[in-house]
Amino acid sequence: MFTASDVVYPILDPTFAAEAARLWSQHIALRTCLDTLPSLLPETLSLRLLDLACGAGNWLLDVAFELPEAEVVGIDPSLANIQYAHARARVSLCHNISVSVMDLRSGLHFPHDSFDLICGHFLSAWLTEEQWLPMLTQCRSFLRPHGVLRLIEAEAGHCSSPACE
């Protein structure tokens, strides 16, 4: 059986136009169903938020507009995604977004107690079972007291779509 780490699937290739469109549709669906920000966040003006595997920055831009006083940080292993997210933030005049190439499978590089919210969406598509615990342990150390780690995953099901093959 192949895993995401064995082969690069077009569905996971950020430079594949159909993948970008799929991720945008997924973002719109999530935004429709969920609040952009959990109500559990502390009410402080110095919010600092991290998006794990931010892709093209869809969630980052939503948050940056909703909370212009917050510092919004995005990481992604794809240089193409980071360049695109940076360009989108720049043309949207969002000065509270910073993005960088970082692969959470290799370890993250942030100080302890540095984020109020860490979000990850659909990370199981490319994290192996063994990579989850180290990633979660690191994320916990990066959260400030009363910080929130929000992970959104989809349950695998049966599908006849060629995209799922």
N, C-alpha and C. Protein backbone atom coordinates (compact mmCIF):
# COMPACT_ATOMS: atom_id res chain seq x y z
N MET A 1 0.83 -1.18 0.00
CA MET A 1 0.00 0.00 0.00
C MET A 1 0.88 1.24 0.00
N PHE A 2 0.52 2.23 -0.79
CA PHE A 2 1.25 3.48 -0.86
C PHE A 2 0.73 4.44 0.20
N THR A 3 1.61 5.27 0.70
CA THR A 3 1.20 6.35 1.59
C THR A 3 1.60 7.66 0.94
N ALA A 4 1.14 8.76 1.52
CA ALA A 4 1.46 10.07 0.98
C ALA A 4 2.97 10.33 0.97
N SER A 5 3.70 9.70 1.88
CA SER A 5 5.15 9.91 1.90
C SER A 5 5.88 9.09 0.85
N ASP A 6 5.21 8.08 0.26
CA ASP A 6 5.84 7.25 -0.76
C ASP A 6 5.79 7.86 -2.15
N VAL A 7 4.77 8.61 -2.42
CA VAL A 7 4.54 9.12 -3.77
C VAL A 7 3.85 10.47 -3.67
N VAL A 8 4.11 11.35 -4.63
CA VAL A 8 3.43 12.64 -4.66
C VAL A 8 2.20 12.50 -5.54
N TYR A 9 1.03 12.62 -4.94
CA TYR A 9 -0.21 12.53 -5.67
C TYR A 9 -0.56 13.89 -6.25
N PRO A 10 -1.14 13.96 -7.44
CA PRO A 10 -1.56 15.26 -7.96
C PRO A 10 -2.51 15.98 -7.03
N ILE A 11 -3.32 15.25 -6.27
CA ILE A 11 -4.26 15.90 -5.36
C ILE A 11 -3.53 16.64 -4.24
N LEU A 12 -2.29 16.29 -3.95
CA LEU A 12 -1.52 16.96 -2.91
C LEU A 12 -0.49 17.93 -3.48
N ASP A 13 -0.43 18.06 -4.79
CA ASP A 13 0.54 18.94 -5.43
C ASP A 13 -0.03 20.36 -5.48
N PRO A 14 0.56 21.30 -4.72
CA PRO A 14 -0.01 22.64 -4.66
C PRO A 14 0.08 23.41 -5.97
N THR A 15 0.91 22.98 -6.90
CA THR A 15 1.02 23.68 -8.17
C THR A 15 0.02 23.15 -9.19
N PHE A 16 -0.72 22.12 -8.86
CA PHE A 16 -1.73 21.54 -9.74
C PHE A 16 -3.00 22.38 -9.61
N ALA A 17 -3.46 23.00 -10.69
CA ALA A 17 -4.57 23.94 -10.65
C ALA A 17 -5.83 23.33 -10.05
N ALA A 18 -6.12 22.09 -10.40
CA ALA A 18 -7.32 21.44 -9.86
C ALA A 18 -7.22 21.28 -8.34
N GLU A 19 -6.02 21.07 -7.83
CA GLU A 19 -5.83 20.95 -6.38
C GLU A 19 -6.08 22.30 -5.70
N ALA A 20 -5.60 23.37 -6.30
CA ALA A 20 -5.84 24.69 -5.74
C ALA A 20 -7.34 24.99 -5.68
N ALA A 21 -8.06 24.62 -6.73
CA ALA A 21 -9.51 24.83 -6.76
C ALA A 21 -10.20 23.97 -5.71
N ARG A 22 -9.75 22.73 -5.54
CA ARG A 22 -10.34 21.85 -4.52
C ARG A 22 -10.12 22.41 -3.13
N LEU A 23 -8.92 22.92 -2.86
CA LEU A 23 -8.62 23.48 -1.55
C LEU A 23 -9.45 24.74 -1.29
N TRP A 24 -9.67 25.55 -2.32
CA TRP A 24 -10.50 26.75 -2.16
C TRP A 24 -11.93 26.34 -1.82
N SER A 25 -12.48 25.36 -2.54
CA SER A 25 -13.84 24.88 -2.26
C SER A 25 -13.94 24.31 -0.85
N GLN A 26 -12.93 23.59 -0.44
CA GLN A 26 -12.89 23.02 0.91
C GLN A 26 -12.88 24.14 1.95
N HIS A 27 -12.11 25.17 1.70
CA HIS A 27 -12.03 26.32 2.61
C HIS A 27 -13.39 27.00 2.73
N ILE A 28 -14.07 27.23 1.62
CA ILE A 28 -15.37 27.87 1.63
C ILE A 28 -16.37 27.02 2.42
N ALA A 29 -16.33 25.71 2.23
CA ALA A 29 -17.24 24.82 2.96
C ALA A 29 -16.98 24.90 4.47
N LEU A 30 -15.71 24.87 4.86
CA LEU A 30 -15.38 24.98 6.28
C LEU A 30 -15.79 26.32 6.86
N ARG A 31 -15.54 27.38 6.11
CA ARG A 31 -15.88 28.72 6.58
C ARG A 31 -17.39 28.87 6.75
N THR A 32 -18.14 28.20 5.90
CA THR A 32 -19.60 28.25 5.98
C THR A 32 -20.10 27.51 7.22
N CYS A 33 -19.45 26.40 7.55
CA CYS A 33 -19.91 25.55 8.65
C CYS A 33 -19.34 25.93 10.01
N LEU A 34 -18.14 26.51 10.03
CA LEU A 34 -17.45 26.79 11.29
C LEU A 34 -17.09 28.25 11.40
N ASP A 35 -16.98 28.71 12.63
CA ASP A 35 -16.43 30.04 12.85
C ASP A 35 -14.98 30.03 12.40
N THR A 36 -14.53 31.13 11.86
CA THR A 36 -13.12 31.25 11.50
C THR A 36 -12.26 31.08 12.75
N LEU A 37 -12.70 31.67 13.84
CA LEU A 37 -11.97 31.61 15.10
C LEU A 37 -12.85 31.00 16.18
N PRO A 38 -12.28 30.11 16.98
CA PRO A 38 -13.06 29.55 18.08
C PRO A 38 -13.39 30.61 19.12
N SER A 39 -14.55 30.51 19.73
CA SER A 39 -14.96 31.46 20.75
C SER A 39 -14.17 31.26 22.04
N LEU A 40 -13.36 30.20 22.11
CA LEU A 40 -12.57 29.93 23.31
C LEU A 40 -11.33 30.81 23.43
N LEU A 41 -11.03 31.58 22.39
CA LEU A 41 -9.82 32.40 22.43
C LEU A 41 -9.92 33.48 23.50
N PRO A 42 -8.80 33.76 24.14
CA PRO A 42 -8.81 34.85 25.14
C PRO A 42 -9.06 36.18 24.44
N GLU A 43 -9.71 37.08 25.14
CA GLU A 43 -9.97 38.41 24.58
C GLU A 43 -8.79 39.31 24.91
N THR A 44 -7.84 39.30 24.02
CA THR A 44 -6.64 40.12 24.20
C THR A 44 -6.29 40.75 22.86
N LEU A 45 -5.66 41.88 22.91
CA LEU A 45 -5.30 42.58 21.67
C LEU A 45 -4.01 42.05 21.06
N SER A 46 -3.29 41.21 21.78
CA SER A 46 -2.02 40.72 21.26
C SER A 46 -2.10 39.27 20.81
N LEU A 47 -3.20 38.91 20.17
CA LEU A 47 -3.36 37.53 19.70
C LEU A 47 -2.29 37.17 18.68
N ARG A 48 -1.78 35.97 18.81
CA ARG A 48 -0.82 35.44 17.84
C ARG A 48 -1.33 34.07 17.44
N LEU A 49 -1.49 33.86 16.13
CA LEU A 49 -2.10 32.64 15.62
C LEU A 49 -1.19 31.96 14.61
N LEU A 50 -1.23 30.63 14.59
CA LEU A 50 -0.41 29.83 13.68
C LEU A 50 -1.29 28.89 12.88
N ASP A 51 -1.08 28.87 11.57
CA ASP A 51 -1.77 27.94 10.68
C ASP A 51 -0.74 26.93 10.20
N LEU A 52 -0.94 25.67 10.60
CA LEU A 52 -0.06 24.58 10.17
C LEU A 52 -0.44 24.17 8.75
N ALA A 53 0.51 24.11 7.85
CA ALA A 53 0.25 23.75 6.46
C ALA A 53 -0.78 24.71 5.86
N CYS A 54 -0.42 25.98 5.82
CA CYS A 54 -1.35 27.04 5.44
C CYS A 54 -1.73 27.06 3.96
N GLY A 55 -1.01 26.32 3.14
CA GLY A 55 -1.33 26.32 1.72
C GLY A 55 -1.23 27.71 1.13
N ALA A 56 -2.22 28.10 0.36
CA ALA A 56 -2.23 29.41 -0.30
C ALA A 56 -2.68 30.53 0.62
N GLY A 57 -2.93 30.23 1.88
CA GLY A 57 -3.25 31.28 2.86
C GLY A 57 -4.71 31.64 2.97
N ASN A 58 -5.61 30.75 2.57
CA ASN A 58 -7.04 31.06 2.62
C ASN A 58 -7.49 31.43 4.04
N TRP A 59 -7.19 30.56 5.01
CA TRP A 59 -7.60 30.82 6.39
C TRP A 59 -6.86 32.03 6.95
N LEU A 60 -5.57 32.16 6.61
CA LEU A 60 -4.78 33.29 7.09
C LEU A 60 -5.43 34.62 6.71
N LEU A 61 -5.85 34.74 5.46
CA LEU A 61 -6.46 35.99 5.01
C LEU A 61 -7.78 36.27 5.72
N ASP A 62 -8.59 35.24 5.92
CA ASP A 62 -9.85 35.42 6.65
C ASP A 62 -9.58 35.97 8.05
N VAL A 63 -8.63 35.36 8.75
CA VAL A 63 -8.31 35.77 10.11
C VAL A 63 -7.70 37.17 10.14
N ALA A 64 -6.81 37.45 9.20
CA ALA A 64 -6.16 38.76 9.16
C ALA A 64 -7.17 39.88 8.97
N PHE A 65 -8.20 39.65 8.16
CA PHE A 65 -9.24 40.65 7.98
C PHE A 65 -10.13 40.75 9.21
N GLU A 66 -10.44 39.61 9.82
CA GLU A 66 -11.32 39.59 10.99
C GLU A 66 -10.65 40.20 12.22
N LEU A 67 -9.34 39.97 12.35
CA LEU A 67 -8.59 40.48 13.51
C LEU A 67 -7.35 41.25 13.04
N PRO A 68 -7.51 42.46 12.57
CA PRO A 68 -6.36 43.19 12.05
C PRO A 68 -5.28 43.49 13.08
N GLU A 69 -5.63 43.40 14.37
CA GLU A 69 -4.63 43.64 15.42
C GLU A 69 -3.83 42.39 15.77
N ALA A 70 -4.25 41.23 15.27
CA ALA A 70 -3.57 39.96 15.57
C ALA A 70 -2.37 39.75 14.64
N GLU A 71 -1.44 38.96 15.11
CA GLU A 71 -0.32 38.52 14.27
C GLU A 71 -0.66 37.12 13.80
N VAL A 72 -0.71 36.93 12.49
CA VAL A 72 -1.13 35.67 11.89
C VAL A 72 0.07 35.07 11.16
N VAL A 73 0.44 33.85 11.55
CA VAL A 73 1.63 33.18 11.02
C VAL A 73 1.20 31.92 10.30
N GLY A 74 1.75 31.70 9.12
CA GLY A 74 1.46 30.48 8.37
C GLY A 74 2.74 29.77 7.98
N ILE A 75 2.69 28.45 8.05
CA ILE A 75 3.83 27.64 7.59
C ILE A 75 3.30 26.60 6.62
N ASP A 76 4.16 26.23 5.69
CA ASP A 76 3.82 25.20 4.71
C ASP A 76 5.13 24.64 4.16
N PRO A 77 5.16 23.35 3.83
CA PRO A 77 6.40 22.80 3.28
C PRO A 77 6.66 23.19 1.83
N SER A 78 5.65 23.75 1.16
CA SER A 78 5.78 24.09 -0.26
C SER A 78 6.18 25.55 -0.46
N LEU A 79 7.32 25.76 -1.10
CA LEU A 79 7.76 27.11 -1.42
C LEU A 79 6.74 27.81 -2.32
N ALA A 80 6.16 27.08 -3.28
CA ALA A 80 5.16 27.66 -4.18
C ALA A 80 3.96 28.18 -3.38
N ASN A 81 3.48 27.38 -2.42
CA ASN A 81 2.36 27.83 -1.57
C ASN A 81 2.73 29.07 -0.78
N ILE A 82 3.90 29.08 -0.20
CA ILE A 82 4.32 30.21 0.62
C ILE A 82 4.45 31.48 -0.22
N GLN A 83 5.03 31.35 -1.40
CA GLN A 83 5.15 32.52 -2.28
C GLN A 83 3.78 33.06 -2.67
N TYR A 84 2.85 32.16 -2.95
CA TYR A 84 1.50 32.56 -3.33
C TYR A 84 0.77 33.20 -2.15
N ALA A 85 0.87 32.60 -0.97
CA ALA A 85 0.23 33.16 0.22
C ALA A 85 0.80 34.55 0.53
N HIS A 86 2.11 34.70 0.40
CA HIS A 86 2.75 36.00 0.65
C HIS A 86 2.24 37.05 -0.35
N ALA A 87 2.15 36.68 -1.62
CA ALA A 87 1.67 37.61 -2.65
C ALA A 87 0.22 38.01 -2.38
N ARG A 88 -0.61 37.04 -1.99
CA ARG A 88 -2.01 37.33 -1.69
C ARG A 88 -2.13 38.29 -0.50
N ALA A 89 -1.32 38.07 0.52
CA ALA A 89 -1.35 38.96 1.69
C ALA A 89 -0.92 40.37 1.29
N ARG A 90 0.12 40.46 0.47
CA ARG A 90 0.64 41.76 0.05
C ARG A 90 -0.39 42.54 -0.76
N VAL A 91 -1.01 41.91 -1.76
CA VAL A 91 -1.98 42.63 -2.59
C VAL A 91 -3.28 42.90 -1.84
N SER A 92 -3.56 42.13 -0.78
CA SER A 92 -4.75 42.37 0.04
C SER A 92 -4.49 43.41 1.12
N LEU A 93 -3.26 43.92 1.17
CA LEU A 93 -2.84 44.91 2.16
C LEU A 93 -2.98 44.40 3.59
N CYS A 94 -2.74 43.12 3.77
CA CYS A 94 -2.74 42.51 5.10
C CYS A 94 -1.31 42.51 5.62
N HIS A 95 -1.04 43.43 6.51
CA HIS A 95 0.32 43.57 7.04
C HIS A 95 0.54 42.75 8.30
N ASN A 96 -0.48 42.03 8.74
CA ASN A 96 -0.36 41.24 9.96
C ASN A 96 -0.17 39.75 9.67
N ILE A 97 0.20 39.42 8.44
CA ILE A 97 0.44 38.03 8.04
C ILE A 97 1.92 37.83 7.76
N SER A 98 2.47 36.75 8.29
CA SER A 98 3.82 36.33 7.91
C SER A 98 3.77 34.84 7.59
N VAL A 99 4.48 34.45 6.56
CA VAL A 99 4.49 33.05 6.14
C VAL A 99 5.93 32.60 5.92
N SER A 100 6.16 31.31 6.14
CA SER A 100 7.50 30.77 5.89
C SER A 100 7.43 29.29 5.56
N VAL A 101 8.45 28.84 4.86
CA VAL A 101 8.56 27.43 4.51
C VAL A 101 9.02 26.69 5.75
N MET A 102 8.19 25.76 6.19
CA MET A 102 8.51 24.93 7.34
C MET A 102 7.65 23.67 7.23
N ASP A 103 8.26 22.53 7.44
CA ASP A 103 7.56 21.25 7.32
C ASP A 103 7.36 20.67 8.71
N LEU A 104 6.10 20.61 9.15
CA LEU A 104 5.85 20.14 10.51
C LEU A 104 6.23 18.69 10.70
N ARG A 105 6.48 17.95 9.62
CA ARG A 105 6.94 16.56 9.75
C ARG A 105 8.41 16.51 10.18
N SER A 106 9.13 17.61 9.99
CA SER A 106 10.55 17.67 10.34
C SER A 106 10.80 18.42 11.63
N GLY A 107 9.77 18.91 12.24
CA GLY A 107 9.93 19.69 13.46
C GLY A 107 9.71 21.16 13.19
N LEU A 108 9.12 21.83 14.17
CA LEU A 108 8.81 23.24 14.05
C LEU A 108 9.80 24.05 14.88
N HIS A 109 9.96 25.30 14.50
CA HIS A 109 10.96 26.15 15.16
C HIS A 109 10.32 27.44 15.64
N PHE A 110 9.68 27.37 16.81
CA PHE A 110 9.08 28.54 17.43
C PHE A 110 9.41 28.50 18.92
N PRO A 111 9.43 29.66 19.56
CA PRO A 111 9.65 29.68 21.02
C PRO A 111 8.44 29.09 21.76
N HIS A 112 8.69 28.60 22.96
CA HIS A 112 7.60 28.12 23.81
C HIS A 112 6.66 29.28 24.14
N ASP A 113 5.41 28.94 24.36
CA ASP A 113 4.39 29.93 24.77
C ASP A 113 4.27 31.09 23.80
N SER A 114 4.24 30.82 22.50
CA SER A 114 4.23 31.92 21.54
C SER A 114 2.93 32.09 20.76
N PHE A 115 1.94 31.18 20.93
CA PHE A 115 0.70 31.30 20.16
C PHE A 115 -0.53 31.14 21.06
N ASP A 116 -1.57 31.89 20.71
CA ASP A 116 -2.85 31.76 21.38
C ASP A 116 -3.73 30.73 20.70
N LEU A 117 -3.54 30.55 19.41
CA LEU A 117 -4.31 29.59 18.64
C LEU A 117 -3.40 28.96 17.59
N ILE A 118 -3.44 27.63 17.51
CA ILE A 118 -2.76 26.89 16.45
C ILE A 118 -3.83 26.08 15.75
N CYS A 119 -3.91 26.25 14.43
CA CYS A 119 -4.91 25.53 13.63
C CYS A 119 -4.23 24.62 12.62
N GLY A 120 -4.84 23.48 12.40
CA GLY A 120 -4.41 22.56 11.36
C GLY A 120 -5.64 21.95 10.72
N HIS A 121 -5.68 21.99 9.42
CA HIS A 121 -6.83 21.46 8.68
C HIS A 121 -6.39 20.30 7.80
N PHE A 122 -7.00 19.16 8.00
CA PHE A 122 -6.80 17.98 7.15
C PHE A 122 -5.32 17.56 7.05
N LEU A 123 -4.65 17.54 8.17
CA LEU A 123 -3.23 17.16 8.20
C LEU A 123 -3.02 15.67 8.00
N SER A 124 -4.03 14.86 8.27
CA SER A 124 -3.86 13.41 8.13
C SER A 124 -3.65 12.98 6.69
N ALA A 125 -3.88 13.87 5.74
CA ALA A 125 -3.64 13.54 4.33
C ALA A 125 -2.16 13.30 4.06
N TRP A 126 -1.29 13.87 4.90
CA TRP A 126 0.14 13.69 4.63
C TRP A 126 0.99 13.46 5.88
N LEU A 127 0.38 13.38 7.05
CA LEU A 127 1.12 12.98 8.26
C LEU A 127 0.95 11.49 8.48
N THR A 128 2.04 10.82 8.79
CA THR A 128 1.94 9.41 9.14
C THR A 128 1.52 9.28 10.60
N GLU A 129 1.10 8.10 10.98
CA GLU A 129 0.69 7.86 12.36
C GLU A 129 1.81 8.19 13.35
N GLU A 130 3.05 7.88 12.98
CA GLU A 130 4.19 8.13 13.86
C GLU A 130 4.52 9.61 13.99
N GLN A 131 4.12 10.42 13.05
CA GLN A 131 4.46 11.85 13.07
C GLN A 131 3.49 12.68 13.92
N TRP A 132 2.33 12.12 14.26
CA TRP A 132 1.34 12.89 15.00
C TRP A 132 1.78 13.27 16.40
N LEU A 133 2.25 12.32 17.19
CA LEU A 133 2.59 12.62 18.58
C LEU A 133 3.69 13.67 18.69
N PRO A 134 4.80 13.55 17.95
CA PRO A 134 5.80 14.63 18.05
C PRO A 134 5.25 16.00 17.63
N MET A 135 4.43 16.03 16.59
CA MET A 135 3.85 17.29 16.14
C MET A 135 2.93 17.88 17.20
N LEU A 136 2.07 17.04 17.80
CA LEU A 136 1.15 17.51 18.83
C LEU A 136 1.90 17.98 20.08
N THR A 137 2.96 17.28 20.44
CA THR A 137 3.77 17.66 21.59
C THR A 137 4.40 19.03 21.37
N GLN A 138 4.93 19.24 20.17
CA GLN A 138 5.52 20.54 19.86
C GLN A 138 4.46 21.64 19.90
N CYS A 139 3.33 21.38 19.28
CA CYS A 139 2.27 22.39 19.26
C CYS A 139 1.86 22.77 20.67
N ARG A 140 1.74 21.79 21.54
CA ARG A 140 1.35 22.09 22.92
C ARG A 140 2.37 23.01 23.59
N SER A 141 3.65 22.79 23.30
CA SER A 141 4.68 23.64 23.92
C SER A 141 4.66 25.06 23.36
N PHE A 142 4.14 25.24 22.15
CA PHE A 142 4.09 26.57 21.54
C PHE A 142 2.89 27.38 22.00
N LEU A 143 1.90 26.71 22.62
CA LEU A 143 0.70 27.42 23.07
C LEU A 143 0.95 28.20 24.35
N ARG A 144 0.42 29.39 24.40
CA ARG A 144 0.44 30.18 25.62
C ARG A 144 -0.55 29.58 26.60
N PRO A 145 -0.47 29.95 27.89
CA PRO A 145 -1.48 29.46 28.83
C PRO A 145 -2.89 29.80 28.32
N HIS A 146 -3.77 28.84 28.37
CA HIS A 146 -5.15 28.95 27.90
C HIS A 146 -5.24 29.03 26.37
N GLY A 147 -4.15 28.71 25.69
CA GLY A 147 -4.18 28.68 24.23
C GLY A 147 -5.00 27.51 23.72
N VAL A 148 -5.34 27.57 22.43
CA VAL A 148 -6.22 26.58 21.82
C VAL A 148 -5.52 25.93 20.64
N LEU A 149 -5.56 24.61 20.60
CA LEU A 149 -5.10 23.85 19.43
C LEU A 149 -6.35 23.31 18.75
N ARG A 150 -6.62 23.76 17.53
CA ARG A 150 -7.81 23.32 16.80
C ARG A 150 -7.38 22.56 15.56
N LEU A 151 -7.74 21.28 15.54
CA LEU A 151 -7.45 20.41 14.40
C LEU A 151 -8.76 19.97 13.78
N ILE A 152 -8.84 20.08 12.47
CA ILE A 152 -10.03 19.67 11.75
C ILE A 152 -9.62 18.57 10.79
N GLU A 153 -10.27 17.42 10.92
CA GLU A 153 -9.97 16.27 10.07
C GLU A 153 -11.27 15.73 9.48
N ALA A 154 -11.15 15.03 8.40
CA ALA A 154 -12.30 14.37 7.80
C ALA A 154 -12.15 12.87 8.01
N GLU A 155 -13.25 12.22 8.24
CA GLU A 155 -13.22 10.77 8.38
C GLU A 155 -13.17 10.16 6.98
N ALA A 156 -12.28 9.22 6.80
CA ALA A 156 -12.17 8.56 5.49
C ALA A 156 -13.41 7.74 5.24
N GLY A 157 -13.86 7.77 4.03
CA GLY A 157 -15.05 7.00 3.66
C GLY A 157 -14.83 6.38 2.29
N HIS A 158 -15.85 5.84 1.76
CA HIS A 158 -15.79 5.22 0.44
C HIS A 158 -16.26 6.23 -0.58
N CYS A 159 -15.56 6.29 -1.70
CA CYS A 159 -15.90 7.26 -2.73
C CYS A 159 -15.55 6.67 -4.10
N SER A 160 -16.36 6.93 -5.07
CA SER A 160 -16.07 6.43 -6.41
C SER A 160 -15.39 7.48 -7.29
N SER A 161 -15.05 8.61 -6.71
CA SER A 161 -14.41 9.68 -7.47
C SER A 161 -12.98 9.29 -7.85
N PRO A 162 -12.57 9.54 -9.10
CA PRO A 162 -11.18 9.27 -9.50
C PRO A 162 -10.17 10.05 -8.66
N ALA A 163 -10.58 11.20 -8.11
CA ALA A 163 -9.67 11.99 -7.29
C ALA A 163 -9.26 11.25 -6.03
N CYS A 164 -10.08 10.32 -5.57
CA CYS A 164 -9.78 9.57 -4.35
C CYS A 164 -9.02 8.28 -4.62
N GLU A 165 -8.82 7.95 -5.86
CA GLU A 165 -8.09 6.72 -6.19
C GLU A 165 -6.62 6.89 -5.95
